[in-house]
Amino acid sequence: MKALIAYFSAEGNTARVAEEAAAALGADLFEIRPEKPYTPADIKYTNPLARCNREKIGGKDVPVVGRIKDFDDYDFILIGFPIWYAAAPNVVNTFCKAYNWYGKKIAAFATSGGSGIGKTADKLRPFLSGGNLAGAKLVHSGSELVAWAREAEAL
């Protein structure tokens, strides 16, 4: 089974977890990057006017840089992100809308300094039409992600 870890990382935590897991699983990596990179001020959620808040509240798509080459070749895809408003950031949703997920086995993972996973899987599912989303799990390390990947892949 060919695996891919696609991730968005605002401060490097999700990237670290994704990179550690990819090395252990032999999975390919794709960084989900917004066309306009986020600054520290953009992700300061305590500021009601911060970009992350405006995007989430406004339901805005966030254009993504690049595309996954040979997406159809992947059987199992892990999608990672930090939790924003108890869900994936809009840039992740925009990324997901750009692909045909039909027949793909998918598992989501999130990193967070304080939020739980909540209904993240339910909120992400509409953007993965045709795919089989095993669920979402909060992880703090590459080894936790490897364990979740093996569990989700077997579902």
N, C-alpha and C. Protein backbone atom coordinates (compact mmCIF):
# COMPACT_ATOMS: atom_id res chain seq x y z
N MET A 1 0.85 -1.17 0.00
CA MET A 1 0.00 0.00 0.00
C MET A 1 0.89 1.24 0.00
N LYS A 2 0.68 2.13 -0.95
CA LYS A 2 1.48 3.35 -1.04
C LYS A 2 0.85 4.43 -0.18
N ALA A 3 1.66 5.01 0.72
CA ALA A 3 1.15 5.97 1.70
C ALA A 3 1.74 7.36 1.50
N LEU A 4 0.93 8.35 1.85
CA LEU A 4 1.32 9.76 1.78
C LEU A 4 0.88 10.44 3.06
N ILE A 5 1.72 11.32 3.56
CA ILE A 5 1.33 12.19 4.67
C ILE A 5 1.31 13.62 4.13
N ALA A 6 0.11 14.19 4.07
CA ALA A 6 -0.08 15.58 3.65
C ALA A 6 -0.37 16.38 4.91
N TYR A 7 0.35 17.48 5.12
CA TYR A 7 0.19 18.20 6.38
C TYR A 7 0.33 19.70 6.19
N PHE A 8 -0.38 20.42 7.05
CA PHE A 8 -0.22 21.86 7.19
C PHE A 8 0.34 22.10 8.58
N SER A 9 1.37 22.93 8.67
CA SER A 9 1.98 23.23 9.96
C SER A 9 2.18 24.73 10.08
N ALA A 10 1.56 25.33 11.08
CA ALA A 10 1.66 26.78 11.27
C ALA A 10 2.93 27.16 12.03
N GLU A 11 3.33 26.33 12.99
CA GLU A 11 4.47 26.68 13.84
C GLU A 11 5.55 25.60 13.89
N GLY A 12 5.41 24.56 13.08
CA GLY A 12 6.43 23.52 13.01
C GLY A 12 6.12 22.25 13.76
N ASN A 13 5.14 22.25 14.65
CA ASN A 13 4.83 21.05 15.43
C ASN A 13 4.27 19.93 14.56
N THR A 14 3.32 20.25 13.72
CA THR A 14 2.72 19.23 12.86
C THR A 14 3.76 18.73 11.86
N ALA A 15 4.62 19.61 11.37
CA ALA A 15 5.68 19.20 10.44
C ALA A 15 6.61 18.19 11.09
N ARG A 16 7.01 18.45 12.32
CA ARG A 16 7.92 17.54 13.03
C ARG A 16 7.30 16.15 13.17
N VAL A 17 6.05 16.11 13.59
CA VAL A 17 5.35 14.83 13.77
C VAL A 17 5.23 14.10 12.43
N ALA A 18 4.85 14.83 11.38
CA ALA A 18 4.68 14.23 10.05
C ALA A 18 6.00 13.68 9.53
N GLU A 19 7.07 14.43 9.67
CA GLU A 19 8.38 14.00 9.18
C GLU A 19 8.87 12.76 9.91
N GLU A 20 8.70 12.71 11.24
CA GLU A 20 9.12 11.54 12.01
C GLU A 20 8.33 10.30 11.57
N ALA A 21 7.03 10.46 11.41
CA ALA A 21 6.19 9.33 11.03
C ALA A 21 6.48 8.87 9.61
N ALA A 22 6.69 9.81 8.69
CA ALA A 22 6.99 9.44 7.30
C ALA A 22 8.25 8.60 7.22
N ALA A 23 9.26 8.97 8.00
CA ALA A 23 10.51 8.21 8.01
C ALA A 23 10.27 6.79 8.52
N ALA A 24 9.47 6.65 9.56
CA ALA A 24 9.20 5.34 10.15
C ALA A 24 8.30 4.47 9.26
N LEU A 25 7.37 5.11 8.55
CA LEU A 25 6.40 4.37 7.73
C LEU A 25 6.85 4.19 6.28
N GLY A 26 7.88 4.93 5.87
CA GLY A 26 8.27 4.90 4.46
C GLY A 26 7.25 5.61 3.58
N ALA A 27 6.55 6.58 4.15
CA ALA A 27 5.52 7.33 3.43
C ALA A 27 6.13 8.56 2.77
N ASP A 28 5.50 9.00 1.69
CA ASP A 28 5.89 10.25 1.05
C ASP A 28 5.28 11.41 1.85
N LEU A 29 5.86 12.60 1.68
CA LEU A 29 5.39 13.80 2.37
C LEU A 29 4.95 14.87 1.38
N PHE A 30 3.90 15.60 1.75
CA PHE A 30 3.49 16.77 0.99
C PHE A 30 3.08 17.84 2.00
N GLU A 31 3.74 18.99 1.93
CA GLU A 31 3.38 20.08 2.82
C GLU A 31 2.29 20.92 2.18
N ILE A 32 1.19 21.08 2.88
CA ILE A 32 0.09 21.94 2.45
C ILE A 32 0.48 23.37 2.84
N ARG A 33 0.76 24.19 1.82
CA ARG A 33 1.22 25.55 2.08
C ARG A 33 0.26 26.56 1.46
N PRO A 34 -0.17 27.54 2.22
CA PRO A 34 -1.03 28.57 1.64
C PRO A 34 -0.20 29.47 0.70
N GLU A 35 -0.87 29.99 -0.34
CA GLU A 35 -0.18 30.90 -1.26
C GLU A 35 0.43 32.08 -0.50
N LYS A 36 -0.32 32.60 0.44
CA LYS A 36 0.18 33.69 1.28
C LYS A 36 0.52 33.08 2.64
N PRO A 37 1.81 32.92 2.96
CA PRO A 37 2.20 32.29 4.23
C PRO A 37 1.63 33.05 5.44
N TYR A 38 1.38 32.29 6.49
CA TYR A 38 0.89 32.88 7.73
C TYR A 38 2.05 33.50 8.51
N THR A 39 1.80 34.66 9.07
CA THR A 39 2.76 35.30 9.97
C THR A 39 2.32 34.97 11.40
N PRO A 40 3.17 35.22 12.39
CA PRO A 40 2.74 35.02 13.78
C PRO A 40 1.47 35.82 14.12
N ALA A 41 1.36 37.02 13.58
CA ALA A 41 0.16 37.83 13.84
C ALA A 41 -1.08 37.20 13.21
N ASP A 42 -0.91 36.55 12.06
CA ASP A 42 -2.03 35.91 11.36
C ASP A 42 -2.65 34.78 12.16
N ILE A 43 -1.85 34.10 12.98
CA ILE A 43 -2.35 32.93 13.69
C ILE A 43 -2.58 33.20 15.19
N LYS A 44 -2.54 34.45 15.57
CA LYS A 44 -2.78 34.82 16.97
C LYS A 44 -4.29 34.84 17.19
N TYR A 45 -4.83 33.67 17.52
CA TYR A 45 -6.28 33.50 17.61
C TYR A 45 -6.94 34.36 18.67
N THR A 46 -6.17 34.86 19.64
CA THR A 46 -6.76 35.72 20.67
C THR A 46 -7.12 37.11 20.13
N ASN A 47 -6.61 37.44 18.94
CA ASN A 47 -6.95 38.70 18.28
C ASN A 47 -8.13 38.41 17.34
N PRO A 48 -9.31 38.96 17.62
CA PRO A 48 -10.47 38.66 16.78
C PRO A 48 -10.31 39.08 15.32
N LEU A 49 -9.36 39.97 15.04
CA LEU A 49 -9.14 40.41 13.67
C LEU A 49 -8.01 39.65 12.97
N ALA A 50 -7.43 38.67 13.65
CA ALA A 50 -6.34 37.89 13.05
C ALA A 50 -6.86 37.13 11.82
N ARG A 51 -5.98 36.93 10.88
CA ARG A 51 -6.33 36.26 9.63
C ARG A 51 -7.00 34.90 9.87
N CYS A 52 -6.46 34.10 10.78
CA CYS A 52 -7.03 32.77 11.02
C CYS A 52 -8.49 32.88 11.46
N ASN A 53 -8.81 33.87 12.26
CA ASN A 53 -10.18 34.06 12.72
C ASN A 53 -11.09 34.52 11.58
N ARG A 54 -10.61 35.47 10.80
CA ARG A 54 -11.41 35.96 9.66
C ARG A 54 -11.70 34.84 8.67
N GLU A 55 -10.69 34.00 8.39
CA GLU A 55 -10.88 32.89 7.45
C GLU A 55 -11.90 31.90 7.98
N LYS A 56 -11.76 31.51 9.24
CA LYS A 56 -12.64 30.48 9.80
C LYS A 56 -14.07 30.98 9.90
N ILE A 57 -14.24 32.17 10.44
CA ILE A 57 -15.59 32.72 10.60
C ILE A 57 -16.23 32.98 9.24
N GLY A 58 -15.45 33.44 8.28
CA GLY A 58 -15.97 33.73 6.95
C GLY A 58 -16.09 32.51 6.06
N GLY A 59 -15.59 31.36 6.50
CA GLY A 59 -15.65 30.15 5.68
C GLY A 59 -14.88 30.27 4.38
N LYS A 60 -13.83 31.08 4.39
CA LYS A 60 -13.09 31.37 3.16
C LYS A 60 -12.14 30.25 2.76
N ASP A 61 -12.09 30.00 1.44
CA ASP A 61 -11.06 29.11 0.91
C ASP A 61 -9.73 29.83 1.01
N VAL A 62 -8.67 29.06 1.22
CA VAL A 62 -7.32 29.60 1.30
C VAL A 62 -6.50 28.91 0.21
N PRO A 63 -6.15 29.62 -0.85
CA PRO A 63 -5.42 28.99 -1.95
C PRO A 63 -4.14 28.30 -1.49
N VAL A 64 -3.88 27.15 -2.09
CA VAL A 64 -2.75 26.29 -1.74
C VAL A 64 -1.71 26.31 -2.85
N VAL A 65 -0.43 26.28 -2.46
CA VAL A 65 0.69 26.22 -3.40
C VAL A 65 0.95 24.77 -3.78
N GLY A 66 1.05 24.49 -5.07
CA GLY A 66 1.45 23.17 -5.54
C GLY A 66 0.34 22.13 -5.49
N ARG A 67 0.65 21.00 -6.14
CA ARG A 67 -0.26 19.86 -6.17
C ARG A 67 0.54 18.59 -5.96
N ILE A 68 -0.13 17.56 -5.50
CA ILE A 68 0.52 16.27 -5.31
C ILE A 68 0.65 15.59 -6.66
N LYS A 69 1.88 15.23 -7.01
CA LYS A 69 2.10 14.50 -8.25
C LYS A 69 1.65 13.05 -8.06
N ASP A 70 1.03 12.50 -9.06
CA ASP A 70 0.61 11.09 -9.04
C ASP A 70 -0.29 10.77 -7.85
N PHE A 71 -1.19 11.67 -7.53
CA PHE A 71 -2.11 11.46 -6.40
C PHE A 71 -2.85 10.13 -6.50
N ASP A 72 -3.23 9.74 -7.71
CA ASP A 72 -3.98 8.51 -7.90
C ASP A 72 -3.21 7.27 -7.47
N ASP A 73 -1.89 7.37 -7.38
CA ASP A 73 -1.07 6.21 -6.99
C ASP A 73 -1.14 5.90 -5.50
N TYR A 74 -1.63 6.82 -4.69
CA TYR A 74 -1.66 6.62 -3.24
C TYR A 74 -2.94 5.90 -2.82
N ASP A 75 -2.76 4.91 -1.95
CA ASP A 75 -3.88 4.14 -1.41
C ASP A 75 -4.32 4.66 -0.05
N PHE A 76 -3.35 5.12 0.73
CA PHE A 76 -3.59 5.53 2.11
C PHE A 76 -2.98 6.91 2.33
N ILE A 77 -3.81 7.85 2.80
CA ILE A 77 -3.34 9.22 2.98
C ILE A 77 -3.66 9.69 4.39
N LEU A 78 -2.63 10.16 5.07
CA LEU A 78 -2.77 10.80 6.38
C LEU A 78 -2.78 12.30 6.15
N ILE A 79 -3.74 12.98 6.74
CA ILE A 79 -3.84 14.43 6.61
C ILE A 79 -3.66 15.04 7.99
N GLY A 80 -2.65 15.91 8.14
CA GLY A 80 -2.34 16.47 9.45
C GLY A 80 -2.43 17.98 9.49
N PHE A 81 -2.72 18.50 10.67
CA PHE A 81 -2.90 19.94 10.86
C PHE A 81 -2.99 20.27 12.33
N PRO A 82 -2.78 21.54 12.68
CA PRO A 82 -3.08 21.99 14.04
C PRO A 82 -4.60 22.22 14.14
N ILE A 83 -5.13 22.10 15.33
CA ILE A 83 -6.57 22.34 15.54
C ILE A 83 -6.81 23.85 15.60
N TRP A 84 -7.72 24.32 14.76
CA TRP A 84 -8.16 25.71 14.78
C TRP A 84 -9.68 25.68 14.88
N TYR A 85 -10.24 26.29 15.89
CA TYR A 85 -11.70 26.32 16.07
C TYR A 85 -12.27 24.90 16.07
N ALA A 86 -11.63 24.00 16.75
CA ALA A 86 -12.09 22.60 16.89
C ALA A 86 -12.23 21.91 15.53
N ALA A 87 -11.38 22.27 14.59
CA ALA A 87 -11.44 21.68 13.25
C ALA A 87 -10.13 21.92 12.52
N ALA A 88 -10.08 21.46 11.28
CA ALA A 88 -8.92 21.72 10.43
C ALA A 88 -8.96 23.18 9.97
N PRO A 89 -7.79 23.81 9.82
CA PRO A 89 -7.76 25.16 9.25
C PRO A 89 -8.33 25.15 7.83
N ASN A 90 -8.86 26.27 7.39
CA ASN A 90 -9.47 26.35 6.07
C ASN A 90 -8.52 25.98 4.95
N VAL A 91 -7.23 26.21 5.10
CA VAL A 91 -6.28 25.85 4.06
C VAL A 91 -6.29 24.33 3.82
N VAL A 92 -6.54 23.57 4.86
CA VAL A 92 -6.63 22.10 4.72
C VAL A 92 -7.90 21.73 3.96
N ASN A 93 -9.01 22.38 4.29
CA ASN A 93 -10.25 22.12 3.58
C ASN A 93 -10.11 22.44 2.09
N THR A 94 -9.48 23.58 1.79
CA THR A 94 -9.27 23.97 0.40
C THR A 94 -8.41 22.92 -0.31
N PHE A 95 -7.34 22.47 0.34
CA PHE A 95 -6.49 21.41 -0.21
C PHE A 95 -7.32 20.18 -0.53
N CYS A 96 -8.15 19.76 0.40
CA CYS A 96 -8.94 18.54 0.21
C CYS A 96 -9.91 18.65 -0.96
N LYS A 97 -10.49 19.82 -1.15
CA LYS A 97 -11.44 20.03 -2.25
C LYS A 97 -10.80 19.84 -3.62
N ALA A 98 -9.50 19.93 -3.72
CA ALA A 98 -8.80 19.90 -5.01
C ALA A 98 -8.53 18.50 -5.55
N TYR A 99 -8.91 17.46 -4.79
CA TYR A 99 -8.57 16.09 -5.19
C TYR A 99 -9.80 15.19 -5.20
N ASN A 100 -9.69 14.11 -5.98
CA ASN A 100 -10.70 13.08 -6.01
C ASN A 100 -10.31 12.00 -5.00
N TRP A 101 -11.05 11.88 -3.94
CA TRP A 101 -10.72 10.97 -2.84
C TRP A 101 -11.37 9.61 -3.00
N TYR A 102 -12.09 9.40 -4.09
CA TYR A 102 -12.83 8.16 -4.28
C TYR A 102 -11.90 6.94 -4.13
N GLY A 103 -12.31 6.04 -3.24
CA GLY A 103 -11.57 4.81 -3.02
C GLY A 103 -10.33 4.92 -2.16
N LYS A 104 -10.00 6.11 -1.68
CA LYS A 104 -8.81 6.30 -0.84
C LYS A 104 -9.14 6.00 0.61
N LYS A 105 -8.20 5.38 1.31
CA LYS A 105 -8.30 5.21 2.74
C LYS A 105 -7.58 6.41 3.35
N ILE A 106 -8.25 7.10 4.27
CA ILE A 106 -7.75 8.36 4.82
C ILE A 106 -7.82 8.32 6.34
N ALA A 107 -6.84 8.92 6.97
CA ALA A 107 -6.87 9.12 8.42
C ALA A 107 -6.35 10.53 8.68
N ALA A 108 -7.03 11.24 9.55
CA ALA A 108 -6.61 12.60 9.90
C ALA A 108 -5.91 12.56 11.25
N PHE A 109 -4.96 13.48 11.41
CA PHE A 109 -4.31 13.65 12.70
C PHE A 109 -4.12 15.13 12.95
N ALA A 110 -4.11 15.47 14.21
CA ALA A 110 -3.96 16.87 14.58
C ALA A 110 -2.99 17.00 15.73
N THR A 111 -2.37 18.15 15.79
CA THR A 111 -1.52 18.52 16.92
C THR A 111 -2.19 19.71 17.59
N SER A 112 -2.04 19.80 18.89
CA SER A 112 -2.65 20.91 19.61
C SER A 112 -1.97 21.08 20.95
N GLY A 113 -1.85 22.32 21.36
CA GLY A 113 -1.29 22.60 22.66
C GLY A 113 -2.33 22.52 23.77
N GLY A 114 -3.61 22.51 23.42
CA GLY A 114 -4.61 22.50 24.46
C GLY A 114 -5.98 21.98 24.03
N SER A 115 -6.29 22.06 22.76
CA SER A 115 -7.61 21.62 22.29
C SER A 115 -7.64 20.11 22.11
N GLY A 116 -8.83 19.55 22.23
CA GLY A 116 -9.04 18.14 21.95
C GLY A 116 -9.39 17.95 20.48
N ILE A 117 -9.58 16.70 20.07
CA ILE A 117 -9.87 16.39 18.67
C ILE A 117 -11.34 16.66 18.35
N GLY A 118 -12.23 16.56 19.34
CA GLY A 118 -13.64 16.89 19.15
C GLY A 118 -14.24 16.19 17.94
N LYS A 119 -14.99 16.93 17.16
CA LYS A 119 -15.67 16.39 15.97
C LYS A 119 -14.92 16.73 14.69
N THR A 120 -13.60 16.78 14.81
CA THR A 120 -12.77 17.14 13.67
C THR A 120 -13.02 16.25 12.47
N ALA A 121 -13.13 14.95 12.67
CA ALA A 121 -13.36 14.02 11.55
C ALA A 121 -14.68 14.35 10.85
N ASP A 122 -15.74 14.59 11.63
CA ASP A 122 -17.04 14.91 11.05
C ASP A 122 -16.99 16.20 10.23
N LYS A 123 -16.22 17.17 10.71
CA LYS A 123 -16.12 18.46 10.01
C LYS A 123 -15.27 18.35 8.75
N LEU A 124 -14.32 17.41 8.72
CA LEU A 124 -13.44 17.24 7.56
C LEU A 124 -14.08 16.37 6.48
N ARG A 125 -14.91 15.44 6.89
CA ARG A 125 -15.50 14.44 5.99
C ARG A 125 -16.14 15.04 4.72
N PRO A 126 -16.90 16.13 4.77
CA PRO A 126 -17.51 16.66 3.55
C PRO A 126 -16.50 17.09 2.47
N PHE A 127 -15.26 17.34 2.86
CA PHE A 127 -14.24 17.77 1.91
C PHE A 127 -13.50 16.58 1.29
N LEU A 128 -13.84 15.36 1.73
CA LEU A 128 -13.17 14.15 1.28
C LEU A 128 -14.15 13.22 0.57
N SER A 129 -14.99 13.78 -0.23
CA SER A 129 -16.06 13.04 -0.89
C SER A 129 -15.54 11.79 -1.60
N GLY A 130 -16.17 10.66 -1.30
CA GLY A 130 -15.80 9.40 -1.93
C GLY A 130 -14.70 8.65 -1.21
N GLY A 131 -14.03 9.31 -0.28
CA GLY A 131 -12.96 8.65 0.46
C GLY A 131 -13.49 7.96 1.70
N ASN A 132 -12.68 7.08 2.25
CA ASN A 132 -13.03 6.35 3.47
C ASN A 132 -12.20 6.92 4.62
N LEU A 133 -12.77 7.89 5.34
CA LEU A 133 -12.07 8.52 6.45
C LEU A 133 -12.23 7.67 7.70
N ALA A 134 -11.11 7.11 8.19
CA ALA A 134 -11.13 6.24 9.36
C ALA A 134 -11.42 7.02 10.64
N GLY A 135 -11.17 8.31 10.64
CA GLY A 135 -11.37 9.12 11.82
C GLY A 135 -10.24 10.11 11.97
N ALA A 136 -10.18 10.73 13.14
CA ALA A 136 -9.14 11.72 13.43
C ALA A 136 -8.63 11.47 14.84
N LYS A 137 -7.35 11.71 15.03
CA LYS A 137 -6.73 11.47 16.33
C LYS A 137 -5.75 12.61 16.64
N LEU A 138 -5.75 13.03 17.89
CA LEU A 138 -4.79 14.01 18.37
C LEU A 138 -3.50 13.27 18.71
N VAL A 139 -2.38 13.75 18.16
CA VAL A 139 -1.08 13.11 18.41
C VAL A 139 -0.08 14.17 18.84
N HIS A 140 0.95 13.71 19.56
CA HIS A 140 1.99 14.62 20.03
C HIS A 140 3.38 14.23 19.54
N SER A 141 3.48 13.07 18.87
CA SER A 141 4.79 12.60 18.44
C SER A 141 4.65 11.75 17.18
N GLY A 142 5.77 11.56 16.52
CA GLY A 142 5.79 10.70 15.34
C GLY A 142 5.40 9.28 15.68
N SER A 143 5.82 8.78 16.84
CA SER A 143 5.49 7.40 17.21
C SER A 143 3.98 7.24 17.45
N GLU A 144 3.33 8.27 18.01
CA GLU A 144 1.87 8.21 18.16
C GLU A 144 1.19 8.21 16.80
N LEU A 145 1.73 8.97 15.86
CA LEU A 145 1.15 9.00 14.52
C LEU A 145 1.35 7.66 13.82
N VAL A 146 2.51 7.05 13.99
CA VAL A 146 2.75 5.73 13.39
C VAL A 146 1.73 4.73 13.91
N ALA A 147 1.49 4.73 15.22
CA ALA A 147 0.52 3.81 15.81
C ALA A 147 -0.88 4.07 15.25
N TRP A 148 -1.27 5.34 15.14
CA TRP A 148 -2.59 5.70 14.59
C TRP A 148 -2.68 5.29 13.12
N ALA A 149 -1.63 5.48 12.35
CA ALA A 149 -1.63 5.10 10.94
C ALA A 149 -1.84 3.60 10.79
N ARG A 150 -1.15 2.82 11.59
CA ARG A 150 -1.27 1.36 11.50
C ARG A 150 -2.68 0.92 11.90
N GLU A 151 -3.23 1.56 12.91
CA GLU A 151 -4.60 1.24 13.33
C GLU A 151 -5.60 1.63 12.25
N ALA A 152 -5.48 2.83 11.73
CA ALA A 152 -6.42 3.34 10.72
C ALA A 152 -6.32 2.57 9.41
N GLU A 153 -5.11 2.17 9.06
CA GLU A 153 -4.91 1.45 7.81
C GLU A 153 -5.58 0.08 7.87
N ALA A 154 -5.66 -0.48 9.07
CA ALA A 154 -6.25 -1.81 9.24
C ALA A 154 -7.76 -1.77 9.33
N LEU A 155 -8.34 -0.59 9.55
CA LEU A 155 -9.81 -0.50 9.69
C LEU A 155 -10.52 -0.88 8.41
